[in-house]
Amino acid sequence: MAAPRYAPEFTAGQTPAYESPQYVPGSWKPGRKGEIDGRQPAGKRLGYQGPDQGFVLKIAAALRPEIKVQTGENVDDAIRGSINIALRRASLY
C-alpha cells in the first residue's frame, strides 16, 4: 500500500520523535462552589440519591396499557405508587 501524499518523508538520518507541548496544564482539583466535601448529606427531608426519574416515567408510560386495576382504583395512582417504590429501591443500591 502506497503512502498518502500528506505523509512526511524522512531521510535516512532522521527519525520522527515525540515532542512534548510547550505548556502542560496542572492536574485537575475539585474546587467548585457547589462541590460536596465528604459524604452526601442525609436527613429526614433531604430524600434519597437515586437514578434519573425520567427513565422510570418513560417505562411507566410504556406499560400503562398493561396495568390492571380493580373497580374504584385509578391507573394514575397505581403508576405513582409504583414509581415511588421503584425510585426508593433503586436509590438503595
Protein backbone atom coordinates (compact mmCIF):
# COMPACT_ATOMS: atom_id res chain seq x y z
CA MET A 1 0.00 0.00 0.00
CA ALA A 2 1.47 3.33 -1.03
CA ALA A 3 1.90 6.16 1.45
CA PRO A 4 -0.59 9.00 1.13
CA ARG A 5 0.59 12.32 -0.33
CA TYR A 6 0.42 14.13 3.01
CA ALA A 7 2.71 11.68 4.84
CA PRO A 8 6.01 13.30 5.82
CA GLU A 9 9.10 11.96 4.18
CA PHE A 10 12.16 11.40 6.34
CA THR A 11 15.65 10.99 5.06
CA ALA A 12 17.88 8.15 6.24
CA GLY A 13 19.37 10.10 9.19
CA GLN A 14 16.08 11.47 10.53
CA THR A 15 13.65 9.65 12.76
CA PRO A 16 10.43 11.19 13.99
CA ALA A 17 10.31 11.56 17.76
CA TYR A 18 7.74 12.69 20.28
CA GLU A 19 7.97 16.29 21.42
CA SER A 20 6.07 17.47 24.47
CA PRO A 21 3.98 20.63 24.22
CA GLN A 22 5.34 23.97 25.40
CA TYR A 23 2.76 24.23 28.22
CA VAL A 24 1.46 21.38 30.35
CA PRO A 25 -1.58 22.32 32.45
CA GLY A 26 -1.70 21.38 36.12
CA SER A 27 -3.77 18.48 37.39
CA TRP A 28 -7.50 18.94 37.98
CA LYS A 29 -8.61 19.67 41.52
CA PRO A 30 -12.20 19.76 42.76
CA GLY A 31 -12.83 23.25 43.99
CA ARG A 32 -16.16 24.35 42.59
CA LYS A 33 -18.63 26.31 44.70
CA GLY A 34 -21.22 23.54 44.73
CA GLU A 35 -18.75 20.77 45.50
CA ILE A 36 -19.75 18.48 48.36
CA ASP A 37 -16.91 17.59 50.69
CA GLY A 38 -17.26 14.14 52.19
CA ARG A 39 -20.38 12.02 52.07
CA GLN A 40 -23.75 13.01 50.65
CA PRO A 41 -25.90 14.84 53.20
CA ALA A 42 -28.61 12.74 54.82
CA GLY A 43 -31.64 13.72 56.80
CA LYS A 44 -35.40 13.44 57.11
CA ARG A 45 -36.32 15.86 54.35
CA LEU A 46 -33.35 15.50 52.00
CA GLY A 47 -34.65 12.47 50.13
CA TYR A 48 -32.53 9.74 48.63
CA GLN A 49 -29.97 9.97 45.84
CA GLY A 50 -31.15 7.74 43.03
CA PRO A 51 -31.39 7.26 39.28
CA ASP A 52 -32.89 9.55 36.69
CA GLN A 53 -36.63 9.85 37.35
CA GLY A 54 -37.36 10.49 33.68
CA PHE A 55 -36.47 6.92 32.76
CA VAL A 56 -38.97 5.41 35.19
CA LEU A 57 -41.64 7.75 33.81
CA LYS A 58 -40.86 6.50 30.30
CA ILE A 59 -41.19 2.89 31.43
CA ALA A 60 -44.45 3.65 33.24
CA ALA A 61 -45.91 5.30 30.14
CA ALA A 62 -44.94 2.30 28.00
CA LEU A 63 -46.52 -0.18 30.44
CA ARG A 64 -49.67 1.87 31.10
CA PRO A 65 -51.93 -0.22 28.77
CA GLU A 66 -50.92 -3.42 30.59
CA ILE A 67 -51.80 -2.20 34.10
CA LYS A 68 -54.88 -3.90 35.53
CA VAL A 69 -56.72 -2.17 38.37
CA GLN A 70 -59.78 -3.10 40.41
CA THR A 71 -63.02 -1.16 40.47
CA GLY A 72 -62.55 2.07 42.39
CA GLU A 73 -58.81 2.17 41.74
CA ASN A 74 -57.11 4.60 39.41
CA VAL A 75 -54.32 3.73 36.95
CA ASP A 76 -52.56 7.04 37.69
CA ASP A 77 -52.49 6.23 41.41
CA ALA A 78 -51.05 2.78 40.69
CA ILE A 79 -48.35 4.32 38.48
CA ARG A 80 -47.44 6.96 41.10
CA GLY A 81 -47.16 4.34 43.82
CA SER A 82 -45.05 2.08 41.62
CA ILE A 83 -42.74 4.95 40.68
CA ASN A 84 -42.20 5.87 44.34
CA ILE A 85 -41.34 2.27 45.21
CA ALA A 86 -39.06 1.86 42.18
CA LEU A 87 -37.11 5.05 42.86
CA ARG A 88 -36.74 4.29 46.56
CA ARG A 89 -35.49 0.77 45.90
CA ALA A 90 -33.10 1.92 43.18
CA SER A 91 -31.56 4.52 45.49
CA LEU A 92 -30.59 1.78 47.94
CA TYR A 93 -28.14 0.18 45.50
